[in-house]
Structure formats: C-alpha cells, structure tokens
Amino acid sequence: MHLKQGDPKPEFRSDRLTLIGYRFCPYVDRVKLITGPTYMLLSSPQISDGDVAHYWEACSKLNDAIKGPYFAGHDLSLADLLIFPHLQRFETIVGRINGKDLNNIGELNGNDELRAKWPKLTGYLDAMRKKSFVAESVASCQLIARFVNNKHQGKDDPDIE
C-alpha cells in the first residue's frame, strides 16, 4: 500500500501483517529488501566498478536461471512475486551505469541491445509488466528515474507523480 502525505490512516487488521509507507520510502524499501543491491547504484553520487561488475554478474545469473516466460517456467509462481520487485528498477540502474540522462530513461524497446545480452531476463520483465496486478502497483521506469534524478539534485520528493 502506497500512501501520500495527507492520506487517511488505513484500517488496521490484527490478523494481517501490513507494511504501510510512501512509494519511495527508504525504510519501506529496506523492509522489502530491495534497496540493498540497488541502493548504491541508484543513490550514490559515484558508482564503483565493483558494484557495476556485481550487478552485471547478477543479471547474467538471473538470465541463466529463468526457465520460461516466468522464473520457474510457463506458469506464474511465488518466485515471480518475490523476484520482480528486485528488478523493477532495472532500466534506471542500467541507464545510470551507462551514463544515460535520467530524464531519458524508459522501458526497454524491442531493439535494445540488452535484449540480445539477456533475452530471458528482459522477456521476464516484459511478461511480468503485462500482469494487471503488477501494472497497477509498481512505479514506471520514468517515474523511478525522475525520483532518482531529483534525489541527486537534493530534491527528495516521495510523493512524486
């Protein structure tokens, strides 16, 4: 659940664990365990060669591990729901590593060179983004890139739209 400043407090249910925070809340990201590998690549003013090498290696390992359009094969599984949040910032990270202007970041196009390098990984991203529950709940590549760009300029705005 993503909240904006001024939103009413959500209903509390004692029978359910609930994580409530705003879309780019660093504390929520830490709880969701997605900032560890991506935090340095997105937030640091300088990116180290070691961080880049580790990221490329992880992308290659993921590409090799994907068994079909989804992580475990032809059917959506719990593995997909656990892995996709770690990858939703893929284009922003790759763009930043490659020195691309963050204002020009977008989802991979059909001719992107990364599709040849990691065909299963990029196909997986496409398949997951076509799911309605994913499209309704994740921030777009452009929004993530704008947030990162603003943060680098000292304008930390978690309510960015």
Protein backbone atom coordinates (compact mmCIF):
# COMPACT_ATOMS: atom_id res chain seq x y z
CA MET A 1 0.00 0.00 0.00
CA HIS A 2 1.44 3.38 -1.01
CA LEU A 3 0.37 6.48 0.87
CA LYS A 4 0.78 10.15 0.06
CA GLN A 5 1.05 12.98 2.52
CA GLY A 6 -2.42 13.74 3.87
CA ASP A 7 -3.94 10.33 3.08
CA PRO A 8 -6.19 8.94 5.83
CA LYS A 9 -4.75 6.30 8.11
CA PRO A 10 -5.53 2.82 6.71
CA GLU A 11 -7.71 0.39 8.60
CA PHE A 12 -5.72 -1.81 10.99
CA ARG A 13 -6.36 -5.55 10.91
CA SER A 14 -4.88 -7.58 13.74
CA ASP A 15 -4.99 -10.80 11.69
CA ARG A 16 -2.72 -9.48 8.93
CA LEU A 17 0.82 -8.13 8.67
CA THR A 18 0.73 -4.82 6.85
CA LEU A 19 3.53 -2.59 5.65
CA ILE A 20 2.44 1.00 5.13
CA GLY A 21 4.66 3.66 3.64
CA TYR A 22 5.03 6.03 0.74
CA ARG A 23 6.20 4.84 -2.68
CA PHE A 24 9.89 5.75 -2.38
CA CYS A 25 10.24 5.44 1.40
CA PRO A 26 13.77 4.20 2.14
CA TYR A 27 12.55 2.47 5.30
CA VAL A 28 9.87 0.55 3.41
CA ASP A 29 12.42 -0.35 0.73
CA ARG A 30 14.75 -1.72 3.40
CA VAL A 31 11.97 -3.83 4.85
CA LYS A 32 11.15 -5.06 1.34
CA LEU A 33 14.84 -5.90 0.92
CA ILE A 34 15.13 -4.27 -2.47
CA THR A 35 17.46 -1.40 -1.72
CA GLY A 36 20.47 -3.47 -0.70
CA PRO A 37 21.77 -4.30 -4.18
CA THR A 38 20.25 -1.29 -5.90
CA TYR A 39 20.74 1.42 -3.31
CA MET A 40 24.38 2.16 -4.14
CA LEU A 41 23.74 2.06 -7.88
CA LEU A 42 20.82 4.47 -7.65
CA SER A 43 21.62 6.70 -4.70
CA SER A 44 25.38 7.19 -4.59
CA PRO A 45 26.88 10.14 -6.48
CA GLN A 46 29.61 7.83 -7.80
CA ILE A 47 29.19 4.24 -8.93
CA SER A 48 32.09 1.91 -8.26
CA ASP A 49 33.36 -0.51 -10.90
CA GLY A 50 32.90 -3.30 -8.36
CA ASP A 51 29.20 -2.52 -7.90
CA VAL A 52 28.73 -2.49 -11.67
CA ALA A 53 30.55 -5.81 -12.08
CA HIS A 54 28.41 -7.40 -9.37
CA TYR A 55 25.22 -6.10 -10.99
CA TRP A 56 26.18 -7.41 -14.46
CA GLU A 57 27.08 -10.78 -12.93
CA ALA A 58 23.75 -10.95 -11.09
CA CYS A 59 21.86 -10.13 -14.31
CA SER A 60 23.71 -12.93 -16.12
CA LYS A 61 22.94 -15.42 -13.35
CA LEU A 62 19.27 -14.43 -13.36
CA ASN A 63 19.11 -14.75 -17.14
CA ASP A 64 20.55 -18.27 -16.89
CA ALA A 65 18.14 -19.24 -14.08
CA ILE A 66 14.89 -18.16 -15.78
CA LYS A 67 13.12 -21.26 -17.13
CA GLY A 68 10.43 -19.71 -19.33
CA PRO A 69 8.46 -16.53 -19.63
CA TYR A 70 8.27 -16.68 -15.83
CA PHE A 71 11.03 -17.56 -13.43
CA ALA A 72 10.07 -21.20 -12.85
CA GLY A 73 8.61 -21.91 -16.30
CA HIS A 74 5.38 -21.22 -18.14
CA ASP A 75 3.23 -20.52 -15.08
CA LEU A 76 3.38 -17.58 -12.70
CA SER A 77 4.68 -18.67 -9.30
CA LEU A 78 5.55 -17.31 -5.89
CA ALA A 79 9.14 -16.96 -7.11
CA ASP A 80 8.00 -14.32 -9.62
CA LEU A 81 6.26 -12.31 -6.92
CA LEU A 82 9.42 -12.40 -4.81
CA ILE A 83 11.92 -11.64 -7.57
CA PHE A 84 10.18 -8.98 -9.65
CA PRO A 85 10.33 -6.20 -7.01
CA HIS A 86 14.12 -6.52 -7.10
CA LEU A 87 14.11 -5.98 -10.86
CA GLN A 88 11.56 -3.20 -11.31
CA ARG A 89 14.38 -0.62 -11.28
CA PHE A 90 16.38 -2.46 -13.98
CA GLU A 91 16.20 0.20 -16.73
CA THR A 92 17.04 3.03 -14.33
CA ILE A 93 20.07 1.18 -12.97
CA VAL A 94 21.32 0.18 -16.42
CA GLY A 95 20.77 3.70 -17.70
CA ARG A 96 22.70 5.18 -14.80
CA ILE A 97 25.56 2.67 -15.22
CA ASN A 98 25.74 3.57 -18.93
CA GLY A 99 25.75 7.30 -18.18
CA LYS A 100 22.35 7.91 -19.75
CA ASP A 101 20.49 11.11 -18.85
CA LEU A 102 17.98 10.03 -16.21
CA ASN A 103 15.35 12.23 -17.86
CA ASN A 104 15.53 9.95 -20.92
CA ILE A 105 15.07 6.59 -19.19
CA GLY A 106 12.24 4.37 -20.36
CA GLU A 107 11.31 0.71 -20.54
CA LEU A 108 13.37 -1.40 -22.89
CA ASN A 109 12.34 -1.20 -26.52
CA GLY A 110 12.26 -4.13 -28.93
CA ASN A 111 15.69 -3.36 -30.39
CA ASP A 112 17.54 -2.68 -27.14
CA GLU A 113 20.98 -4.33 -27.02
CA LEU A 114 20.20 -5.73 -23.56
CA ARG A 115 17.59 -7.98 -25.17
CA ALA A 116 20.39 -9.79 -27.02
CA LYS A 117 22.61 -9.94 -23.93
CA TRP A 118 19.90 -11.14 -21.51
CA PRO A 119 16.93 -12.40 -23.57
CA LYS A 120 15.30 -14.38 -20.76
CA LEU A 121 15.68 -11.59 -18.19
CA THR A 122 14.25 -8.91 -20.48
CA GLY A 123 11.45 -11.26 -21.60
CA TYR A 124 10.68 -11.94 -17.94
CA LEU A 125 10.41 -8.20 -17.26
CA ASP A 126 8.02 -7.86 -20.21
CA ALA A 127 5.87 -10.80 -19.08
CA MET A 128 5.60 -9.53 -15.51
CA ARG A 129 4.79 -5.96 -16.56
CA LYS A 130 1.87 -7.26 -18.65
CA LYS A 131 0.22 -8.62 -15.50
CA SER A 132 -2.52 -6.22 -14.36
CA PHE A 133 -1.61 -6.53 -10.67
CA VAL A 134 1.98 -5.53 -11.49
CA ALA A 135 1.00 -2.63 -13.75
CA GLU A 136 -1.32 -1.28 -11.05
CA SER A 137 1.20 -1.47 -8.21
CA VAL A 138 4.68 -0.58 -9.46
CA ALA A 139 6.15 2.76 -10.42
CA SER A 140 7.09 3.23 -14.07
CA CYS A 141 10.72 3.34 -15.18
CA GLN A 142 10.29 7.01 -15.99
CA LEU A 143 8.95 7.81 -12.52
CA ILE A 144 11.75 5.90 -10.79
CA ALA A 145 14.33 7.70 -12.94
CA ARG A 146 12.76 11.10 -12.17
CA PHE A 147 12.81 10.32 -8.44
CA VAL A 148 16.49 9.28 -8.59
CA ASN A 149 17.37 12.36 -10.65
CA ASN A 150 15.57 14.66 -8.18
CA LYS A 151 17.28 12.96 -5.24
CA HIS A 152 20.70 13.57 -6.83
CA GLN A 153 19.75 17.25 -7.14
CA GLY A 154 18.80 17.41 -3.44
CA LYS A 155 15.04 17.39 -4.08
CA ASP A 156 13.83 14.33 -2.17
CA ASP A 157 10.12 14.13 -3.06
CA PRO A 158 8.48 10.82 -2.10
CA ASP A 159 5.10 11.98 -3.44
CA ILE A 160 6.43 12.44 -6.99
CA GLU A 161 3.86 11.51 -9.65
